[in-house]
């Protein structure tokens, strides 16, 4: 980093601190802040300082990423989880042969999107509950091979769920017996 850039960041620190405080207090969204910063002329010192500070933070992160194999693995694992979630959402959106969200108005599209999120989150919760019960069962039995396998299973999996099925919801207040469900499962 050039000495001029560092001096610019230091000289604009009060303005940067004010921006950080505004974001921290949620007085403004990041999107609104970026739009406002981009309306400033390119030579504006605060805008330049923010962009230079961003470059500095990115450079530090990139160097840490390149030097730390554990950070690299964690980032890849996180990206895989996000990708799994997006694949699940895409599959839910395509149920019934559809290729996209349904709805003609913005509100209908938003309702469709939120319904798909609710279904995805219900699937992830259901899978997480099953995996949690299965983990408890395997820990109690001391099955190390199955424990290792469980840690590799994604809660965003949906192959075992019939997405095109017909579901009837009953309000009898009866909970799903996950212990009975897990008792019949054998992995490995």
N, C-alpha and C. Protein backbone atom coordinates (compact mmCIF):
# COMPACT_ATOMS: atom_id res chain seq x y z
N UNK A 1 0.85 -1.17 0.00
CA UNK A 1 0.00 0.00 0.00
C UNK A 1 0.89 1.23 0.00
N UNK A 2 0.49 2.16 -0.82
CA UNK A 2 1.26 3.39 -0.91
C UNK A 2 1.14 4.19 0.38
N UNK A 3 2.18 4.95 0.66
CA UNK A 3 2.19 5.81 1.85
C UNK A 3 1.08 6.86 1.74
N UNK A 4 0.81 7.34 0.52
CA UNK A 4 -0.24 8.35 0.32
C UNK A 4 -1.60 7.79 0.72
N UNK A 5 -1.85 6.53 0.36
CA UNK A 5 -3.13 5.90 0.70
C UNK A 5 -3.31 5.79 2.20
N UNK A 6 -2.25 5.38 2.88
CA UNK A 6 -2.30 5.26 4.33
C UNK A 6 -2.53 6.62 4.98
N UNK A 7 -1.84 7.64 4.48
CA UNK A 7 -2.03 9.00 5.01
C UNK A 7 -3.46 9.49 4.77
N UNK A 8 -4.02 9.15 3.61
CA UNK A 8 -5.39 9.55 3.29
C UNK A 8 -6.37 8.89 4.28
N UNK A 9 -6.18 7.60 4.53
CA UNK A 9 -7.05 6.89 5.47
C UNK A 9 -6.96 7.52 6.87
N UNK A 10 -5.75 7.80 7.30
CA UNK A 10 -5.54 8.40 8.63
C UNK A 10 -6.17 9.79 8.70
N UNK A 11 -6.00 10.59 7.65
CA UNK A 11 -6.55 11.95 7.67
C UNK A 11 -8.09 11.95 7.63
N UNK A 12 -8.68 10.91 7.05
CA UNK A 12 -10.14 10.83 6.95
C UNK A 12 -10.76 9.97 8.05
N UNK A 13 -9.94 9.58 9.05
CA UNK A 13 -10.42 8.70 10.12
C UNK A 13 -11.67 9.22 10.81
N UNK A 14 -11.77 10.52 11.14
CA UNK A 14 -13.01 11.00 11.79
C UNK A 14 -14.26 10.74 10.93
N UNK A 15 -14.14 10.96 9.62
CA UNK A 15 -15.27 10.71 8.72
C UNK A 15 -15.58 9.22 8.63
N UNK A 16 -14.53 8.40 8.57
CA UNK A 16 -14.72 6.95 8.51
C UNK A 16 -15.38 6.46 9.80
N UNK A 17 -14.92 6.99 10.94
CA UNK A 17 -15.52 6.62 12.23
C UNK A 17 -17.01 6.99 12.27
N UNK A 18 -17.35 8.14 11.72
CA UNK A 18 -18.74 8.57 11.70
C UNK A 18 -19.58 7.63 10.83
N UNK A 19 -19.02 7.21 9.71
CA UNK A 19 -19.72 6.27 8.82
C UNK A 19 -19.93 4.93 9.52
N UNK A 20 -18.89 4.44 10.19
CA UNK A 20 -18.98 3.17 10.92
C UNK A 20 -20.04 3.27 12.02
N UNK A 21 -20.05 4.39 12.74
CA UNK A 21 -21.03 4.58 13.81
C UNK A 21 -22.45 4.61 13.24
N UNK A 22 -22.62 5.27 12.11
CA UNK A 22 -23.93 5.34 11.47
C UNK A 22 -24.42 3.94 11.11
N UNK A 23 -23.52 3.13 10.55
CA UNK A 23 -23.88 1.75 10.21
C UNK A 23 -24.14 0.93 11.47
N UNK A 24 -23.29 1.11 12.47
CA UNK A 24 -23.43 0.36 13.71
C UNK A 24 -24.73 0.65 14.44
N UNK A 25 -25.17 1.89 14.37
CA UNK A 25 -26.43 2.28 15.01
C UNK A 25 -27.63 2.02 14.11
N UNK A 26 -27.37 1.48 12.93
CA UNK A 26 -28.41 1.15 11.95
C UNK A 26 -29.24 2.37 11.56
N UNK A 27 -28.57 3.51 11.50
CA UNK A 27 -29.25 4.73 11.06
C UNK A 27 -29.36 4.75 9.54
N UNK A 28 -28.58 3.89 8.88
CA UNK A 28 -28.56 3.84 7.43
C UNK A 28 -28.13 2.43 7.01
N UNK A 29 -28.66 1.95 5.90
CA UNK A 29 -28.25 0.64 5.41
C UNK A 29 -26.95 0.77 4.63
N UNK A 30 -26.26 -0.34 4.46
CA UNK A 30 -25.02 -0.33 3.68
C UNK A 30 -25.29 0.10 2.25
N UNK A 31 -26.40 -0.37 1.68
CA UNK A 31 -26.73 -0.02 0.31
C UNK A 31 -26.92 1.48 0.13
N UNK A 32 -27.63 2.09 1.07
CA UNK A 32 -27.84 3.54 1.02
C UNK A 32 -26.52 4.28 1.15
N UNK A 33 -25.67 3.80 2.06
CA UNK A 33 -24.36 4.43 2.26
C UNK A 33 -23.53 4.37 0.98
N UNK A 34 -23.49 3.20 0.35
CA UNK A 34 -22.70 3.05 -0.88
C UNK A 34 -23.25 3.97 -1.97
N UNK A 35 -24.59 4.04 -2.09
CA UNK A 35 -25.17 4.94 -3.10
C UNK A 35 -24.75 6.39 -2.83
N UNK A 36 -24.77 6.79 -1.56
CA UNK A 36 -24.37 8.17 -1.23
C UNK A 36 -22.89 8.39 -1.52
N UNK A 37 -22.05 7.42 -1.15
CA UNK A 37 -20.61 7.57 -1.42
C UNK A 37 -20.33 7.65 -2.92
N UNK A 38 -21.09 6.91 -3.70
CA UNK A 38 -20.86 6.91 -5.15
C UNK A 38 -21.34 8.18 -5.82
N UNK A 39 -22.17 8.97 -5.13
CA UNK A 39 -22.57 10.26 -5.71
C UNK A 39 -21.48 11.31 -5.53
N UNK A 40 -20.55 11.05 -4.59
CA UNK A 40 -19.42 11.96 -4.43
C UNK A 40 -18.54 11.89 -5.66
N UNK A 41 -17.85 12.95 -5.94
CA UNK A 41 -16.92 12.95 -7.07
C UNK A 41 -15.74 12.03 -6.74
N UNK A 42 -15.12 11.48 -7.77
CA UNK A 42 -14.01 10.54 -7.57
C UNK A 42 -12.88 11.12 -6.72
N UNK A 43 -12.53 12.40 -6.87
CA UNK A 43 -11.43 12.92 -6.04
C UNK A 43 -11.83 13.24 -4.59
N UNK A 44 -13.10 13.04 -4.21
CA UNK A 44 -13.52 13.33 -2.84
C UNK A 44 -12.68 12.52 -1.86
N UNK A 45 -12.05 13.18 -0.88
CA UNK A 45 -11.12 12.47 0.02
C UNK A 45 -11.78 11.37 0.85
N UNK A 46 -13.02 11.59 1.31
CA UNK A 46 -13.68 10.56 2.12
C UNK A 46 -13.97 9.33 1.27
N UNK A 47 -14.47 9.55 0.07
CA UNK A 47 -14.75 8.42 -0.83
C UNK A 47 -13.46 7.66 -1.12
N UNK A 48 -12.41 8.38 -1.47
CA UNK A 48 -11.13 7.72 -1.79
C UNK A 48 -10.61 6.96 -0.57
N UNK A 49 -10.72 7.55 0.62
CA UNK A 49 -10.23 6.90 1.84
C UNK A 49 -11.01 5.61 2.13
N UNK A 50 -12.32 5.65 1.96
CA UNK A 50 -13.14 4.45 2.18
C UNK A 50 -12.74 3.36 1.19
N UNK A 51 -12.57 3.71 -0.08
CA UNK A 51 -12.19 2.72 -1.08
C UNK A 51 -10.79 2.18 -0.83
N UNK A 52 -9.87 3.03 -0.40
CA UNK A 52 -8.51 2.57 -0.07
C UNK A 52 -8.53 1.67 1.16
N UNK A 53 -9.34 2.02 2.14
CA UNK A 53 -9.46 1.19 3.34
C UNK A 53 -10.04 -0.18 2.97
N UNK A 54 -11.02 -0.18 2.07
CA UNK A 54 -11.59 -1.44 1.59
C UNK A 54 -10.52 -2.30 0.92
N UNK A 55 -9.69 -1.68 0.10
CA UNK A 55 -8.59 -2.42 -0.55
C UNK A 55 -7.64 -3.00 0.49
N UNK A 56 -7.36 -2.23 1.54
CA UNK A 56 -6.47 -2.69 2.60
C UNK A 56 -7.06 -3.91 3.31
N UNK A 57 -8.33 -3.83 3.68
CA UNK A 57 -8.99 -4.95 4.36
C UNK A 57 -9.00 -6.19 3.47
N UNK A 58 -9.33 -6.01 2.20
CA UNK A 58 -9.35 -7.15 1.27
C UNK A 58 -7.96 -7.76 1.12
N UNK A 59 -6.95 -6.93 1.04
CA UNK A 59 -5.57 -7.43 0.90
C UNK A 59 -5.16 -8.24 2.13
N UNK A 60 -5.48 -7.73 3.30
CA UNK A 60 -5.15 -8.46 4.54
C UNK A 60 -5.86 -9.81 4.56
N UNK A 61 -7.15 -9.80 4.20
CA UNK A 61 -7.91 -11.05 4.18
C UNK A 61 -7.34 -12.04 3.17
N UNK A 62 -7.01 -11.55 1.98
CA UNK A 62 -6.45 -12.42 0.94
C UNK A 62 -5.14 -13.04 1.40
N UNK A 63 -4.28 -12.26 2.02
CA UNK A 63 -3.02 -12.79 2.53
C UNK A 63 -3.26 -13.84 3.62
N UNK A 64 -4.19 -13.57 4.53
CA UNK A 64 -4.53 -14.56 5.57
C UNK A 64 -5.06 -15.84 4.94
N UNK A 65 -5.91 -15.68 3.94
CA UNK A 65 -6.51 -16.83 3.25
C UNK A 65 -5.44 -17.69 2.59
N UNK A 66 -4.49 -17.04 1.94
CA UNK A 66 -3.43 -17.76 1.24
C UNK A 66 -2.46 -18.45 2.20
N UNK A 67 -2.28 -17.89 3.39
CA UNK A 67 -1.31 -18.44 4.34
C UNK A 67 -1.92 -19.41 5.35
N UNK A 68 -3.24 -19.46 5.46
CA UNK A 68 -3.89 -20.26 6.49
C UNK A 68 -4.78 -21.34 5.86
N UNK A 69 -4.29 -22.58 5.80
CA UNK A 69 -5.08 -23.67 5.19
C UNK A 69 -6.41 -23.90 5.91
N UNK A 70 -6.45 -23.70 7.23
CA UNK A 70 -7.70 -23.89 7.98
C UNK A 70 -8.75 -22.87 7.55
N UNK A 71 -8.33 -21.61 7.36
CA UNK A 71 -9.25 -20.58 6.89
C UNK A 71 -9.77 -20.94 5.50
N UNK A 72 -8.89 -21.42 4.64
CA UNK A 72 -9.29 -21.82 3.29
C UNK A 72 -10.34 -22.93 3.34
N UNK A 73 -10.12 -23.94 4.19
CA UNK A 73 -11.09 -25.04 4.32
C UNK A 73 -12.42 -24.52 4.85
N UNK A 74 -12.36 -23.63 5.82
CA UNK A 74 -13.60 -23.08 6.40
C UNK A 74 -14.39 -22.28 5.37
N UNK A 75 -13.69 -21.51 4.56
CA UNK A 75 -14.35 -20.72 3.52
C UNK A 75 -15.01 -21.64 2.50
N UNK A 76 -14.29 -22.67 2.07
CA UNK A 76 -14.86 -23.60 1.09
C UNK A 76 -16.08 -24.32 1.67
N UNK A 77 -15.99 -24.72 2.93
CA UNK A 77 -17.12 -25.40 3.58
C UNK A 77 -18.33 -24.47 3.63
N UNK A 78 -18.09 -23.22 3.97
CA UNK A 78 -19.18 -22.24 4.03
C UNK A 78 -19.79 -22.02 2.65
N UNK A 79 -18.95 -21.91 1.63
CA UNK A 79 -19.45 -21.73 0.26
C UNK A 79 -20.27 -22.93 -0.18
N UNK A 80 -19.85 -24.13 0.21
CA UNK A 80 -20.60 -25.33 -0.14
C UNK A 80 -21.97 -25.33 0.53
N UNK A 81 -22.03 -24.88 1.78
CA UNK A 81 -23.32 -24.81 2.48
C UNK A 81 -24.25 -23.83 1.78
N UNK A 82 -23.72 -22.68 1.41
CA UNK A 82 -24.54 -21.68 0.73
C UNK A 82 -25.02 -22.23 -0.61
N UNK A 83 -24.14 -22.90 -1.34
CA UNK A 83 -24.51 -23.49 -2.63
C UNK A 83 -25.58 -24.56 -2.44
N UNK A 84 -25.47 -25.38 -1.41
CA UNK A 84 -26.48 -26.41 -1.13
C UNK A 84 -27.84 -25.76 -0.87
N UNK A 85 -27.84 -24.68 -0.11
CA UNK A 85 -29.09 -23.98 0.18
C UNK A 85 -29.70 -23.44 -1.11
N UNK A 86 -28.88 -22.84 -1.98
CA UNK A 86 -29.40 -22.29 -3.23
C UNK A 86 -29.93 -23.39 -4.14
N UNK A 87 -29.28 -24.55 -4.15
CA UNK A 87 -29.78 -25.67 -4.94
C UNK A 87 -31.13 -26.14 -4.41
N UNK A 88 -31.26 -26.20 -3.09
CA UNK A 88 -32.54 -26.57 -2.48
C UNK A 88 -33.62 -25.57 -2.87
N UNK A 89 -33.32 -24.28 -2.76
CA UNK A 89 -34.30 -23.24 -3.13
C UNK A 89 -34.69 -23.35 -4.60
N UNK A 90 -33.72 -23.62 -5.46
CA UNK A 90 -33.99 -23.77 -6.89
C UNK A 90 -34.90 -24.97 -7.14
N UNK A 91 -34.63 -26.07 -6.45
CA UNK A 91 -35.45 -27.27 -6.60
C UNK A 91 -36.88 -27.01 -6.14
N UNK A 92 -37.04 -26.31 -5.04
CA UNK A 92 -38.37 -25.97 -4.53
C UNK A 92 -39.10 -25.08 -5.54
N UNK A 93 -38.40 -24.13 -6.12
CA UNK A 93 -39.02 -23.22 -7.09
C UNK A 93 -39.48 -23.96 -8.34
N UNK A 94 -38.83 -25.09 -8.65
CA UNK A 94 -39.15 -25.83 -9.86
C UNK A 94 -40.19 -26.93 -9.64
N UNK A 95 -40.71 -27.05 -8.43
CA UNK A 95 -41.73 -28.06 -8.14
C UNK A 95 -42.94 -27.80 -9.01
N UNK A 96 -43.47 -28.84 -9.60
CA UNK A 96 -44.63 -28.70 -10.48
C UNK A 96 -44.25 -28.25 -11.88
N UNK A 97 -42.97 -28.33 -12.23
CA UNK A 97 -42.53 -27.99 -13.58
C UNK A 97 -42.28 -26.51 -13.80
N UNK A 98 -42.39 -25.72 -12.76
CA UNK A 98 -42.15 -24.28 -12.91
C UNK A 98 -40.65 -24.02 -13.01
N UNK A 99 -40.32 -22.94 -13.67
CA UNK A 99 -38.92 -22.58 -13.81
C UNK A 99 -38.55 -21.35 -12.98
N UNK A 100 -39.55 -20.69 -12.42
CA UNK A 100 -39.28 -19.44 -11.71
C UNK A 100 -40.35 -19.20 -10.66
N UNK A 101 -40.21 -18.13 -9.93
CA UNK A 101 -41.20 -17.77 -8.92
C UNK A 101 -42.52 -17.41 -9.61
N UNK A 102 -43.62 -17.76 -8.95
CA UNK A 102 -44.91 -17.43 -9.52
C UNK A 102 -45.40 -16.11 -8.94
N UNK A 103 -46.21 -15.44 -9.73
CA UNK A 103 -46.78 -14.17 -9.27
C UNK A 103 -46.66 -13.12 -10.35
N UNK A 104 -47.69 -12.27 -10.40
CA UNK A 104 -47.69 -11.21 -11.40
C UNK A 104 -47.25 -9.87 -10.81
N UNK A 105 -47.56 -9.67 -9.55
CA UNK A 105 -47.21 -8.40 -8.92
C UNK A 105 -46.01 -8.60 -8.00
N UNK A 106 -45.44 -7.50 -7.58
CA UNK A 106 -44.30 -7.58 -6.66
C UNK A 106 -44.67 -8.30 -5.37
N UNK A 107 -45.88 -8.05 -4.88
CA UNK A 107 -46.32 -8.69 -3.62
C UNK A 107 -46.48 -10.19 -3.82
N UNK A 108 -47.07 -10.60 -4.94
CA UNK A 108 -47.25 -12.04 -5.20
C UNK A 108 -45.90 -12.73 -5.34
N UNK A 109 -44.96 -12.09 -5.99
CA UNK A 109 -43.61 -12.66 -6.14
C UNK A 109 -42.93 -12.76 -4.78
N UNK A 110 -43.08 -11.72 -3.95
CA UNK A 110 -42.49 -11.75 -2.61
C UNK A 110 -43.11 -12.85 -1.75
N UNK A 111 -44.43 -13.03 -1.85
CA UNK A 111 -45.10 -14.11 -1.10
C UNK A 111 -44.58 -15.46 -1.58
N UNK A 112 -44.45 -15.63 -2.89
CA UNK A 112 -43.92 -16.88 -3.44
C UNK A 112 -42.50 -17.13 -2.94
N UNK A 113 -41.68 -16.10 -2.94
CA UNK A 113 -40.30 -16.22 -2.47
C UNK A 113 -40.25 -16.59 -0.99
N UNK A 114 -41.07 -15.94 -0.18
CA UNK A 114 -41.07 -16.22 1.26
C UNK A 114 -41.62 -17.62 1.55
N UNK A 115 -42.59 -18.07 0.76
CA UNK A 115 -43.10 -19.44 0.93
C UNK A 115 -42.00 -20.46 0.62
N UNK A 116 -41.24 -20.20 -0.44
CA UNK A 116 -40.12 -21.10 -0.79
C UNK A 116 -39.08 -21.10 0.32
N UNK A 117 -38.81 -19.93 0.90
CA UNK A 117 -37.87 -19.86 2.04
C UNK A 117 -38.39 -20.66 3.23
N UNK A 118 -39.68 -20.54 3.51
CA UNK A 118 -40.28 -21.27 4.62
C UNK A 118 -40.15 -22.78 4.41
N UNK A 119 -40.43 -23.24 3.20
CA UNK A 119 -40.31 -24.67 2.90
C UNK A 119 -38.86 -25.12 3.04
N UNK A 120 -37.93 -24.34 2.50
CA UNK A 120 -36.50 -24.70 2.61
C UNK A 120 -36.07 -24.75 4.07
N UNK A 121 -36.48 -23.77 4.85
CA UNK A 121 -36.10 -23.75 6.27
C UNK A 121 -36.75 -24.89 7.04
N UNK A 122 -37.98 -25.27 6.67
CA UNK A 122 -38.63 -26.42 7.32
C UNK A 122 -37.87 -27.71 7.01
N UNK A 123 -37.42 -27.86 5.77
CA UNK A 123 -36.64 -29.05 5.38
C UNK A 123 -35.33 -29.09 6.16
N UNK A 124 -34.66 -27.96 6.23
CA UNK A 124 -33.38 -27.90 6.95
C UNK A 124 -33.59 -28.18 8.44
N UNK A 125 -34.65 -27.64 9.01
CA UNK A 125 -34.94 -27.91 10.43
C UNK A 125 -35.22 -29.39 10.65
N UNK A 126 -36.06 -29.97 9.80
CA UNK A 126 -36.41 -31.39 9.91
C UNK A 126 -35.16 -32.25 9.82
N UNK A 127 -34.32 -31.98 8.81
CA UNK A 127 -33.08 -32.74 8.66
C UNK A 127 -32.14 -32.54 9.85
N UNK A 128 -32.05 -31.32 10.33
CA UNK A 128 -31.18 -31.04 11.48
C UNK A 128 -31.66 -31.79 12.72
N UNK A 129 -32.97 -31.83 12.92
CA UNK A 129 -33.52 -32.55 14.07
C UNK A 129 -33.21 -34.04 13.96
N UNK A 130 -33.38 -34.61 12.77
CA UNK A 130 -33.06 -36.03 12.57
C UNK A 130 -31.58 -36.27 12.80
N UNK A 131 -30.73 -35.43 12.22
CA UNK A 131 -29.28 -35.60 12.39
C UNK A 131 -28.87 -35.47 13.85
N UNK A 132 -29.50 -34.55 14.56
CA UNK A 132 -29.19 -34.37 15.98
C UNK A 132 -29.54 -35.62 16.78
N UNK A 133 -30.72 -36.18 16.52
CA UNK A 133 -31.12 -37.41 17.22
C UNK A 133 -30.21 -38.57 16.83
N UNK A 134 -29.86 -38.63 15.55
CA UNK A 134 -28.97 -39.69 15.08
C UNK A 134 -27.58 -39.56 15.71
N UNK A 135 -27.11 -38.34 15.84
CA UNK A 135 -25.82 -38.08 16.48
C UNK A 135 -25.83 -38.54 17.94
N UNK A 136 -26.89 -38.22 18.64
CA UNK A 136 -27.02 -38.65 20.04
C UNK A 136 -27.01 -40.17 20.14
N UNK A 137 -27.73 -40.82 19.23
CA UNK A 137 -27.79 -42.29 19.22
C UNK A 137 -26.41 -42.88 18.97
N UNK A 138 -25.68 -42.32 18.01
CA UNK A 138 -24.35 -42.85 17.66
C UNK A 138 -23.32 -42.58 18.75
N UNK A 139 -23.43 -41.42 19.39
CA UNK A 139 -22.51 -41.12 20.50
C UNK A 139 -22.73 -42.09 21.65
N UNK A 140 -23.99 -42.43 21.91
CA UNK A 140 -24.30 -43.36 23.00
C UNK A 140 -23.78 -44.76 22.69
N UNK A 141 -23.82 -45.15 21.41
CA UNK A 141 -23.35 -46.49 21.04
C UNK A 141 -21.84 -46.52 20.79
N UNK A 142 -21.22 -45.35 20.68
CA UNK A 142 -19.77 -45.28 20.45
C UNK A 142 -19.35 -45.67 19.05
N UNK A 143 -20.23 -45.50 18.08
CA UNK A 143 -19.95 -45.87 16.70
C UNK A 143 -19.20 -44.72 15.99
N UNK A 144 -17.87 -44.78 16.00
CA UNK A 144 -17.04 -43.70 15.45
C UNK A 144 -17.20 -43.56 13.95
N UNK A 145 -17.37 -44.68 13.25
CA UNK A 145 -17.50 -44.64 11.79
C UNK A 145 -18.77 -43.89 11.39
N UNK A 146 -19.86 -44.18 12.06
CA UNK A 146 -21.12 -43.50 11.76
C UNK A 146 -21.06 -42.04 12.19
N UNK A 147 -20.40 -41.75 13.30
CA UNK A 147 -20.24 -40.36 13.74
C UNK A 147 -19.52 -39.54 12.67
N UNK A 148 -18.47 -40.11 12.10
CA UNK A 148 -17.72 -39.41 11.06
C UNK A 148 -18.59 -39.19 9.83
N UNK A 149 -19.44 -40.15 9.51
CA UNK A 149 -20.33 -40.03 8.36
C UNK A 149 -21.39 -38.94 8.59
N UNK A 150 -21.92 -38.88 9.79
CA UNK A 150 -22.96 -37.88 10.11
C UNK A 150 -22.44 -36.46 9.93
N UNK A 151 -21.19 -36.23 10.28
CA UNK A 151 -20.64 -34.87 10.16
C UNK A 151 -20.51 -34.43 8.71
N UNK A 152 -20.60 -35.37 7.77
CA UNK A 152 -20.49 -35.02 6.36
C UNK A 152 -21.86 -34.85 5.68
N UNK A 153 -22.94 -35.16 6.40
CA UNK A 153 -24.28 -35.06 5.82
C UNK A 153 -24.78 -33.63 5.94
N UNK A 154 -25.30 -33.11 4.84
CA UNK A 154 -25.80 -31.74 4.83
C UNK A 154 -27.26 -31.68 5.27
N UNK A 155 -27.60 -30.75 6.16
CA UNK A 155 -29.01 -30.60 6.52
C UNK A 155 -29.85 -30.01 5.38
N UNK A 156 -29.19 -29.56 4.31
CA UNK A 156 -29.92 -29.02 3.16
C UNK A 156 -30.24 -30.10 2.13
N UNK A 157 -30.02 -31.37 2.48
CA UNK A 157 -30.32 -32.47 1.55
C UNK A 157 -31.84 -32.61 1.40
N UNK A 158 -32.28 -33.04 0.23
CA UNK A 158 -33.72 -33.17 0.02
C UNK A 158 -34.09 -34.42 -0.77
N UNK A 159 -33.12 -35.28 -1.09
CA UNK A 159 -33.42 -36.47 -1.90
C UNK A 159 -34.43 -37.39 -1.22
N UNK A 160 -34.48 -37.38 0.09
CA UNK A 160 -35.39 -38.24 0.83
C UNK A 160 -36.77 -37.60 1.05
N UNK A 161 -36.98 -36.42 0.50
CA UNK A 161 -38.24 -35.71 0.68
C UNK A 161 -38.97 -35.64 -0.65
N UNK A 162 -40.22 -36.06 -0.64
CA UNK A 162 -41.04 -36.04 -1.85
C UNK A 162 -41.63 -34.64 -2.02
N UNK A 163 -40.95 -33.83 -2.80
CA UNK A 163 -41.37 -32.43 -2.95
C UNK A 163 -42.66 -32.29 -3.76
N UNK A 164 -42.94 -33.25 -4.65
CA UNK A 164 -44.16 -33.20 -5.45
C UNK A 164 -45.31 -33.94 -4.80
N UNK A 165 -45.15 -34.32 -3.55
CA UNK A 165 -46.17 -35.10 -2.85
C UNK A 165 -47.36 -34.26 -2.43
N UNK A 166 -48.36 -34.96 -1.95
CA UNK A 166 -49.55 -34.31 -1.40
C UNK A 166 -49.48 -34.48 0.10
N UNK A 167 -49.51 -33.38 0.81
CA UNK A 167 -49.34 -33.41 2.25
C UNK A 167 -50.64 -32.99 2.93
N UNK A 168 -50.97 -33.70 3.99
CA UNK A 168 -52.13 -33.35 4.81
C UNK A 168 -51.61 -33.00 6.19
N UNK A 169 -51.95 -31.82 6.64
CA UNK A 169 -51.50 -31.37 7.96
C UNK A 169 -52.66 -31.52 8.93
N UNK A 170 -52.39 -32.23 10.01
CA UNK A 170 -53.42 -32.46 11.01
C UNK A 170 -53.07 -31.66 12.26
N UNK A 171 -54.09 -31.14 12.89
CA UNK A 171 -53.84 -30.29 14.05
C UNK A 171 -54.10 -31.02 15.37
N UNK A 172 -53.81 -32.30 15.41
CA UNK A 172 -54.02 -33.06 16.63
C UNK A 172 -52.98 -32.77 17.69
N UNK A 173 -52.00 -31.97 17.37
CA UNK A 173 -50.95 -31.64 18.33
C UNK A 173 -49.95 -32.76 18.54
N UNK A 174 -50.03 -33.79 17.72
CA UNK A 174 -49.11 -34.93 17.87
C UNK A 174 -47.80 -34.61 17.16
N UNK A 175 -46.70 -34.71 17.89
CA UNK A 175 -45.38 -34.42 17.35
C UNK A 175 -44.82 -35.65 16.63
N UNK A 176 -43.93 -35.42 15.70
CA UNK A 176 -43.23 -36.52 15.03
C UNK A 176 -42.28 -37.14 16.04
N UNK A 177 -42.33 -38.46 16.17
CA UNK A 177 -41.46 -39.16 17.11
C UNK A 177 -40.11 -39.41 16.42
N UNK A 178 -39.20 -38.47 16.59
CA UNK A 178 -37.89 -38.57 15.93
C UNK A 178 -37.07 -39.73 16.47
N UNK A 179 -37.23 -40.06 17.75
CA UNK A 179 -36.50 -41.20 18.31
C UNK A 179 -36.90 -42.49 17.61
N UNK A 180 -38.21 -42.67 17.36
CA UNK A 180 -38.68 -43.86 16.65
C UNK A 180 -38.18 -43.85 15.21
N UNK A 181 -38.18 -42.68 14.60
CA UNK A 181 -37.71 -42.56 13.22
C UNK A 181 -36.23 -42.90 13.12
N UNK A 182 -35.44 -42.40 14.05
CA UNK A 182 -33.99 -42.63 14.05
C UNK A 182 -33.66 -44.07 14.43
N UNK A 183 -34.51 -44.68 15.25
CA UNK A 183 -34.24 -46.06 15.69
C UNK A 183 -34.15 -47.00 14.50
N UNK A 184 -34.90 -46.71 13.44
CA UNK A 184 -34.87 -47.57 12.26
C UNK A 184 -33.79 -47.23 11.25
N UNK A 185 -33.01 -46.19 11.51
CA UNK A 185 -31.97 -45.77 10.57
C UNK A 185 -30.64 -46.44 10.88
N UNK A 186 -30.00 -46.89 9.85
CA UNK A 186 -28.65 -47.44 9.98
C UNK A 186 -27.78 -46.80 8.91
N UNK A 187 -26.68 -46.21 9.30
CA UNK A 187 -25.74 -45.61 8.36
C UNK A 187 -24.47 -46.43 8.32
N UNK A 188 -23.83 -46.42 7.16
CA UNK A 188 -22.52 -47.06 7.04
C UNK A 188 -22.67 -48.49 6.87
